[in-house]
Amino acid sequence: MTNYPDDADGAVLADLAARGVDMSSPLLIEFAVAAPDEGSANAIAKAMRAAGYDTEICFDEGELEEEDLDEDDPDEDDELDPDDEEFGPSWTVFANVSMIPEYDEIMRIQADLDRIAGPHGGQADGWGTLLE
């Protein structure tokens, strides 16, 4: 078994290996890039496509928590706190890459996505893969 660096990315790779995933075969890995708004998401996706990435833009409406409801004024529109990044609306651009799951290559791609997204206010925001 391969030893992976002691960080979040290494932990995910170690977990995949522990689950019996063949780490020498290509997997479809989905890299997430957080974008501050729709215009930025579109600009990031365009720049990522120009760099050769297969991209998809997703909008998440967020979650409206019960305590966010304005019970004093039922006619007022319920809105999420725009500063609440965990539950508020968000734009994400995904890059799908079929690759052998190697730590150094995952780090390189995340750095590349950060470089591409940075001028548009975005940043790499993790990665994952679906297991059958």
N, C-alpha and C. Protein backbone atom coordinates (compact mmCIF):
# COMPACT_ATOMS: atom_id res chain seq x y z
N MET A 1 0.85 -1.19 0.00
CA MET A 1 0.00 0.00 0.00
C MET A 1 0.89 1.24 0.00
N THR A 2 0.47 2.22 -0.78
CA THR A 2 1.21 3.47 -0.90
C THR A 2 0.98 4.34 0.33
N ASN A 3 2.02 5.02 0.76
CA ASN A 3 1.87 6.01 1.82
C ASN A 3 1.56 7.36 1.18
N TYR A 4 0.56 8.03 1.71
CA TYR A 4 0.16 9.33 1.18
C TYR A 4 0.51 10.41 2.19
N PRO A 5 0.71 11.65 1.72
CA PRO A 5 1.00 12.75 2.64
C PRO A 5 -0.10 12.90 3.69
N ASP A 6 0.28 13.44 4.83
CA ASP A 6 -0.65 13.62 5.95
C ASP A 6 -1.40 14.95 5.79
N ASP A 7 -2.32 14.98 4.82
CA ASP A 7 -3.18 16.14 4.63
C ASP A 7 -4.53 15.63 4.11
N ALA A 8 -5.45 16.54 3.84
CA ALA A 8 -6.81 16.14 3.43
C ALA A 8 -6.80 15.34 2.13
N ASP A 9 -5.98 15.75 1.17
CA ASP A 9 -5.93 15.04 -0.10
C ASP A 9 -5.34 13.64 0.07
N GLY A 10 -4.29 13.55 0.86
CA GLY A 10 -3.69 12.25 1.14
C GLY A 10 -4.66 11.34 1.87
N ALA A 11 -5.45 11.90 2.78
CA ALA A 11 -6.43 11.11 3.52
C ALA A 11 -7.50 10.53 2.60
N VAL A 12 -7.95 11.31 1.63
CA VAL A 12 -8.95 10.82 0.68
C VAL A 12 -8.36 9.69 -0.16
N LEU A 13 -7.13 9.87 -0.64
CA LEU A 13 -6.49 8.83 -1.44
C LEU A 13 -6.29 7.56 -0.61
N ALA A 14 -5.85 7.70 0.63
CA ALA A 14 -5.67 6.54 1.50
C ALA A 14 -7.00 5.83 1.74
N ASP A 15 -8.08 6.60 1.91
CA ASP A 15 -9.40 6.02 2.11
C ASP A 15 -9.85 5.25 0.87
N LEU A 16 -9.61 5.82 -0.31
CA LEU A 16 -9.97 5.11 -1.54
C LEU A 16 -9.22 3.79 -1.64
N ALA A 17 -7.93 3.82 -1.35
CA ALA A 17 -7.13 2.59 -1.40
C ALA A 17 -7.63 1.58 -0.37
N ALA A 18 -7.97 2.05 0.83
CA ALA A 18 -8.47 1.15 1.88
C ALA A 18 -9.81 0.52 1.51
N ARG A 19 -10.57 1.20 0.67
CA ARG A 19 -11.86 0.66 0.21
C ARG A 19 -11.70 -0.34 -0.93
N GLY A 20 -10.45 -0.56 -1.34
CA GLY A 20 -10.19 -1.54 -2.39
C GLY A 20 -10.18 -0.98 -3.79
N VAL A 21 -10.16 0.35 -3.93
CA VAL A 21 -10.10 0.96 -5.25
C VAL A 21 -8.73 0.68 -5.86
N ASP A 22 -8.72 0.27 -7.14
CA ASP A 22 -7.46 0.02 -7.84
C ASP A 22 -6.82 1.38 -8.16
N MET A 23 -5.82 1.73 -7.40
CA MET A 23 -5.20 3.05 -7.53
C MET A 23 -4.26 3.15 -8.74
N SER A 24 -4.14 2.06 -9.51
CA SER A 24 -3.33 2.11 -10.72
C SER A 24 -4.18 2.24 -11.98
N SER A 25 -5.51 2.29 -11.80
CA SER A 25 -6.43 2.44 -12.93
C SER A 25 -7.05 3.84 -12.90
N PRO A 26 -7.35 4.38 -14.08
CA PRO A 26 -7.95 5.71 -14.12
C PRO A 26 -9.32 5.75 -13.44
N LEU A 27 -9.59 6.87 -12.78
CA LEU A 27 -10.89 7.16 -12.19
C LEU A 27 -11.36 8.50 -12.77
N LEU A 28 -12.68 8.70 -12.79
CA LEU A 28 -13.19 10.01 -13.16
C LEU A 28 -13.21 10.84 -11.89
N ILE A 29 -12.35 11.85 -11.85
CA ILE A 29 -12.24 12.71 -10.67
C ILE A 29 -12.87 14.05 -11.02
N GLU A 30 -13.71 14.52 -10.09
CA GLU A 30 -14.42 15.78 -10.27
C GLU A 30 -13.78 16.82 -9.34
N PHE A 31 -13.19 17.84 -9.95
CA PHE A 31 -12.57 18.94 -9.20
C PHE A 31 -13.56 20.09 -9.14
N ALA A 32 -13.78 20.62 -7.94
CA ALA A 32 -14.71 21.73 -7.75
C ALA A 32 -13.94 23.05 -7.68
N VAL A 33 -14.52 24.07 -8.30
CA VAL A 33 -13.99 25.43 -8.23
C VAL A 33 -15.13 26.34 -7.79
N ALA A 34 -14.97 26.98 -6.64
CA ALA A 34 -16.00 27.88 -6.12
C ALA A 34 -15.92 29.21 -6.85
N ALA A 35 -17.09 29.74 -7.22
CA ALA A 35 -17.18 31.03 -7.91
C ALA A 35 -18.10 31.95 -7.11
N PRO A 36 -17.78 33.25 -7.07
CA PRO A 36 -18.58 34.16 -6.25
C PRO A 36 -19.97 34.49 -6.82
N ASP A 37 -20.16 34.34 -8.13
CA ASP A 37 -21.44 34.69 -8.74
C ASP A 37 -21.53 34.05 -10.13
N GLU A 38 -22.67 34.21 -10.77
CA GLU A 38 -22.91 33.57 -12.06
C GLU A 38 -21.94 34.06 -13.14
N GLY A 39 -21.70 35.35 -13.20
CA GLY A 39 -20.78 35.89 -14.21
C GLY A 39 -19.38 35.33 -14.05
N SER A 40 -18.93 35.25 -12.81
CA SER A 40 -17.61 34.68 -12.54
C SER A 40 -17.57 33.20 -12.90
N ALA A 41 -18.65 32.47 -12.57
CA ALA A 41 -18.71 31.04 -12.90
C ALA A 41 -18.59 30.84 -14.41
N ASN A 42 -19.29 31.66 -15.17
CA ASN A 42 -19.21 31.55 -16.63
C ASN A 42 -17.82 31.87 -17.14
N ALA A 43 -17.18 32.91 -16.59
CA ALA A 43 -15.82 33.28 -17.01
C ALA A 43 -14.82 32.19 -16.63
N ILE A 44 -14.98 31.62 -15.44
CA ILE A 44 -14.08 30.55 -15.00
C ILE A 44 -14.25 29.33 -15.90
N ALA A 45 -15.49 28.95 -16.18
CA ALA A 45 -15.74 27.79 -17.04
C ALA A 45 -15.12 28.00 -18.43
N LYS A 46 -15.28 29.20 -18.96
CA LYS A 46 -14.71 29.51 -20.28
C LYS A 46 -13.18 29.38 -20.25
N ALA A 47 -12.56 29.91 -19.21
CA ALA A 47 -11.09 29.83 -19.09
C ALA A 47 -10.64 28.39 -18.88
N MET A 48 -11.41 27.62 -18.11
CA MET A 48 -11.06 26.22 -17.88
C MET A 48 -11.19 25.41 -19.17
N ARG A 49 -12.24 25.67 -19.94
CA ARG A 49 -12.40 24.96 -21.23
C ARG A 49 -11.23 25.31 -22.16
N ALA A 50 -10.82 26.59 -22.17
CA ALA A 50 -9.70 27.00 -23.02
C ALA A 50 -8.41 26.29 -22.61
N ALA A 51 -8.32 25.91 -21.32
CA ALA A 51 -7.14 25.19 -20.83
C ALA A 51 -7.28 23.68 -21.02
N GLY A 52 -8.40 23.24 -21.61
CA GLY A 52 -8.56 21.83 -21.93
C GLY A 52 -9.38 21.02 -20.95
N TYR A 53 -10.03 21.67 -19.99
CA TYR A 53 -10.84 20.94 -19.01
C TYR A 53 -12.27 20.77 -19.50
N ASP A 54 -12.85 19.62 -19.19
CA ASP A 54 -14.26 19.33 -19.41
C ASP A 54 -15.01 19.93 -18.23
N THR A 55 -15.86 20.94 -18.47
CA THR A 55 -16.45 21.68 -17.35
C THR A 55 -17.97 21.59 -17.31
N GLU A 56 -18.49 21.86 -16.13
CA GLU A 56 -19.93 21.94 -15.90
C GLU A 56 -20.15 22.99 -14.81
N ILE A 57 -21.13 23.86 -15.00
CA ILE A 57 -21.46 24.88 -14.00
C ILE A 57 -22.70 24.43 -13.24
N CYS A 58 -22.65 24.55 -11.92
CA CYS A 58 -23.80 24.19 -11.08
C CYS A 58 -24.12 25.32 -10.12
N PHE A 59 -25.41 25.60 -9.97
CA PHE A 59 -25.89 26.57 -9.00
C PHE A 59 -26.62 25.82 -7.91
N ASP A 60 -26.29 26.11 -6.67
CA ASP A 60 -26.97 25.53 -5.51
C ASP A 60 -27.71 26.66 -4.82
N GLU A 61 -29.03 26.52 -4.72
CA GLU A 61 -29.85 27.57 -4.10
C GLU A 61 -29.58 27.73 -2.62
N GLY A 62 -28.92 26.77 -2.02
CA GLY A 62 -28.66 26.84 -0.59
C GLY A 62 -29.84 26.29 0.20
N GLU A 63 -29.74 26.42 1.49
CA GLU A 63 -30.77 25.90 2.38
C GLU A 63 -31.35 27.03 3.18
N LEU A 64 -32.66 27.08 3.24
CA LEU A 64 -33.34 28.07 4.06
C LEU A 64 -33.64 27.43 5.40
N GLU A 65 -32.94 27.87 6.41
CA GLU A 65 -33.13 27.32 7.75
C GLU A 65 -34.38 27.92 8.38
N GLU A 66 -35.03 27.16 9.24
CA GLU A 66 -36.26 27.63 9.88
C GLU A 66 -36.04 28.94 10.62
N GLU A 67 -34.88 29.09 11.26
CA GLU A 67 -34.63 30.33 12.00
C GLU A 67 -34.42 31.52 11.07
N ASP A 68 -34.24 31.26 9.76
CA ASP A 68 -34.09 32.35 8.80
C ASP A 68 -35.43 32.94 8.38
N LEU A 69 -36.52 32.25 8.69
CA LEU A 69 -37.83 32.74 8.31
C LEU A 69 -38.20 33.95 9.15
N ASP A 70 -38.80 34.94 8.52
CA ASP A 70 -39.23 36.14 9.23
C ASP A 70 -40.69 35.93 9.65
N GLU A 71 -40.88 35.47 10.88
CA GLU A 71 -42.22 35.16 11.36
C GLU A 71 -43.02 36.43 11.66
N ASP A 72 -42.36 37.56 11.89
CA ASP A 72 -43.06 38.80 12.19
C ASP A 72 -43.74 39.39 10.97
N ASP A 73 -43.23 39.14 9.78
CA ASP A 73 -43.79 39.70 8.56
C ASP A 73 -43.90 38.60 7.51
N PRO A 74 -45.05 37.89 7.48
CA PRO A 74 -45.19 36.76 6.55
C PRO A 74 -45.18 37.18 5.08
N ASP A 75 -45.38 38.47 4.80
CA ASP A 75 -45.37 38.92 3.41
C ASP A 75 -43.96 39.25 2.91
N GLU A 76 -43.01 39.40 3.85
CA GLU A 76 -41.64 39.73 3.47
C GLU A 76 -40.97 38.50 2.88
N ASP A 77 -40.23 38.68 1.78
CA ASP A 77 -39.51 37.56 1.18
C ASP A 77 -38.48 37.04 2.15
N ASP A 78 -38.43 35.71 2.27
CA ASP A 78 -37.41 35.08 3.11
C ASP A 78 -36.11 35.04 2.31
N GLU A 79 -35.06 35.53 2.93
CA GLU A 79 -33.76 35.55 2.26
C GLU A 79 -32.72 34.93 3.16
N LEU A 80 -31.73 34.33 2.53
CA LEU A 80 -30.59 33.81 3.27
C LEU A 80 -29.61 34.93 3.50
N ASP A 81 -28.87 34.81 4.57
CA ASP A 81 -27.80 35.77 4.86
C ASP A 81 -26.71 35.57 3.82
N PRO A 82 -26.42 36.58 2.98
CA PRO A 82 -25.42 36.40 1.93
C PRO A 82 -24.03 36.13 2.48
N ASP A 83 -23.80 36.41 3.77
CA ASP A 83 -22.50 36.15 4.36
C ASP A 83 -22.38 34.72 4.88
N ASP A 84 -23.48 33.97 4.89
CA ASP A 84 -23.47 32.59 5.38
C ASP A 84 -23.10 31.66 4.23
N GLU A 85 -21.79 31.45 4.03
CA GLU A 85 -21.31 30.66 2.90
C GLU A 85 -21.70 29.20 2.99
N GLU A 86 -21.91 28.69 4.20
CA GLU A 86 -22.21 27.27 4.35
C GLU A 86 -23.60 26.91 3.82
N PHE A 87 -24.59 27.78 4.02
CA PHE A 87 -25.95 27.45 3.65
C PHE A 87 -26.52 28.35 2.56
N GLY A 88 -25.79 29.37 2.18
CA GLY A 88 -26.29 30.30 1.18
C GLY A 88 -26.13 29.78 -0.23
N PRO A 89 -26.70 30.50 -1.18
CA PRO A 89 -26.57 30.10 -2.57
C PRO A 89 -25.11 30.12 -3.01
N SER A 90 -24.77 29.24 -3.95
CA SER A 90 -23.38 29.19 -4.40
C SER A 90 -23.29 28.71 -5.85
N TRP A 91 -22.23 29.14 -6.50
CA TRP A 91 -21.90 28.73 -7.87
C TRP A 91 -20.63 27.90 -7.81
N THR A 92 -20.65 26.78 -8.51
CA THR A 92 -19.48 25.90 -8.58
C THR A 92 -19.25 25.49 -10.02
N VAL A 93 -18.00 25.52 -10.44
CA VAL A 93 -17.62 25.01 -11.75
C VAL A 93 -16.87 23.72 -11.50
N PHE A 94 -17.30 22.64 -12.16
CA PHE A 94 -16.65 21.35 -11.99
C PHE A 94 -15.81 21.03 -13.21
N ALA A 95 -14.63 20.48 -12.96
CA ALA A 95 -13.76 19.97 -14.02
C ALA A 95 -13.68 18.47 -13.84
N ASN A 96 -14.09 17.73 -14.85
CA ASN A 96 -14.05 16.27 -14.80
C ASN A 96 -12.81 15.78 -15.54
N VAL A 97 -11.99 15.03 -14.82
CA VAL A 97 -10.73 14.56 -15.37
C VAL A 97 -10.62 13.06 -15.14
N SER A 98 -10.45 12.30 -16.21
CA SER A 98 -10.20 10.87 -16.08
C SER A 98 -8.69 10.70 -15.92
N MET A 99 -8.30 10.14 -14.77
CA MET A 99 -6.87 10.07 -14.46
C MET A 99 -6.59 8.98 -13.43
N ILE A 100 -5.34 8.55 -13.39
CA ILE A 100 -4.89 7.68 -12.31
C ILE A 100 -4.78 8.57 -11.07
N PRO A 101 -5.41 8.17 -9.96
CA PRO A 101 -5.44 9.03 -8.78
C PRO A 101 -4.09 9.11 -8.06
N GLU A 102 -3.23 9.98 -8.54
CA GLU A 102 -1.90 10.18 -7.95
C GLU A 102 -1.87 11.53 -7.24
N TYR A 103 -1.33 11.53 -6.05
CA TYR A 103 -1.30 12.73 -5.21
C TYR A 103 -0.70 13.94 -5.93
N ASP A 104 0.48 13.79 -6.50
CA ASP A 104 1.16 14.93 -7.12
C ASP A 104 0.35 15.51 -8.27
N GLU A 105 -0.30 14.66 -9.05
CA GLU A 105 -1.10 15.14 -10.18
C GLU A 105 -2.37 15.84 -9.69
N ILE A 106 -2.97 15.33 -8.64
CA ILE A 106 -4.14 15.99 -8.05
C ILE A 106 -3.76 17.37 -7.54
N MET A 107 -2.61 17.47 -6.88
CA MET A 107 -2.15 18.77 -6.38
C MET A 107 -1.86 19.73 -7.54
N ARG A 108 -1.26 19.21 -8.61
CA ARG A 108 -0.95 20.04 -9.78
C ARG A 108 -2.23 20.59 -10.40
N ILE A 109 -3.24 19.73 -10.56
CA ILE A 109 -4.49 20.17 -11.18
C ILE A 109 -5.18 21.20 -10.30
N GLN A 110 -5.21 20.98 -8.99
CA GLN A 110 -5.83 21.97 -8.10
C GLN A 110 -5.12 23.33 -8.18
N ALA A 111 -3.80 23.30 -8.24
CA ALA A 111 -3.05 24.55 -8.38
C ALA A 111 -3.34 25.22 -9.72
N ASP A 112 -3.47 24.42 -10.77
CA ASP A 112 -3.78 24.95 -12.09
C ASP A 112 -5.18 25.59 -12.09
N LEU A 113 -6.14 24.92 -11.47
CA LEU A 113 -7.50 25.45 -11.41
C LEU A 113 -7.54 26.74 -10.58
N ASP A 114 -6.76 26.77 -9.50
CA ASP A 114 -6.65 28.00 -8.69
C ASP A 114 -6.11 29.15 -9.54
N ARG A 115 -5.08 28.86 -10.32
CA ARG A 115 -4.46 29.88 -11.18
C ARG A 115 -5.46 30.39 -12.21
N ILE A 116 -6.23 29.49 -12.79
CA ILE A 116 -7.21 29.86 -13.81
C ILE A 116 -8.36 30.66 -13.19
N ALA A 117 -8.85 30.21 -12.03
CA ALA A 117 -10.04 30.81 -11.42
C ALA A 117 -9.75 32.11 -10.67
N GLY A 118 -8.53 32.27 -10.16
CA GLY A 118 -8.18 33.42 -9.34
C GLY A 118 -8.52 34.77 -9.94
N PRO A 119 -8.18 35.03 -11.19
CA PRO A 119 -8.48 36.34 -11.77
C PRO A 119 -9.99 36.65 -11.85
N HIS A 120 -10.82 35.61 -11.71
CA HIS A 120 -12.27 35.78 -11.78
C HIS A 120 -12.92 35.67 -10.40
N GLY A 121 -12.09 35.69 -9.35
CA GLY A 121 -12.61 35.64 -7.99
C GLY A 121 -12.91 34.25 -7.48
N GLY A 122 -12.50 33.22 -8.20
CA GLY A 122 -12.78 31.84 -7.80
C GLY A 122 -11.57 31.16 -7.19
N GLN A 123 -11.81 29.96 -6.68
CA GLN A 123 -10.71 29.17 -6.11
C GLN A 123 -11.06 27.69 -6.13
N ALA A 124 -10.03 26.87 -6.26
CA ALA A 124 -10.23 25.41 -6.20
C ALA A 124 -10.82 25.07 -4.84
N ASP A 125 -11.76 24.13 -4.85
CA ASP A 125 -12.51 23.83 -3.63
C ASP A 125 -12.69 22.34 -3.41
N GLY A 126 -11.63 21.57 -3.70
CA GLY A 126 -11.66 20.14 -3.41
C GLY A 126 -11.95 19.28 -4.63
N TRP A 127 -12.02 17.98 -4.38
CA TRP A 127 -12.23 17.02 -5.45
C TRP A 127 -12.87 15.77 -4.87
N GLY A 128 -13.38 14.95 -5.75
CA GLY A 128 -13.97 13.69 -5.32
C GLY A 128 -14.19 12.78 -6.51
N THR A 129 -14.61 11.56 -6.21
CA THR A 129 -14.92 10.59 -7.24
C THR A 129 -16.06 9.72 -6.75
N LEU A 130 -16.86 9.23 -7.68
CA LEU A 130 -17.94 8.33 -7.31
C LEU A 130 -17.45 6.91 -7.36
N LEU A 131 -17.81 6.15 -6.36
CA LEU A 131 -17.46 4.74 -6.33
C LEU A 131 -18.70 3.92 -6.64
N GLU A 132 -18.51 2.85 -7.40
CA GLU A 132 -19.66 2.00 -7.75
C GLU A 132 -19.94 1.00 -6.66
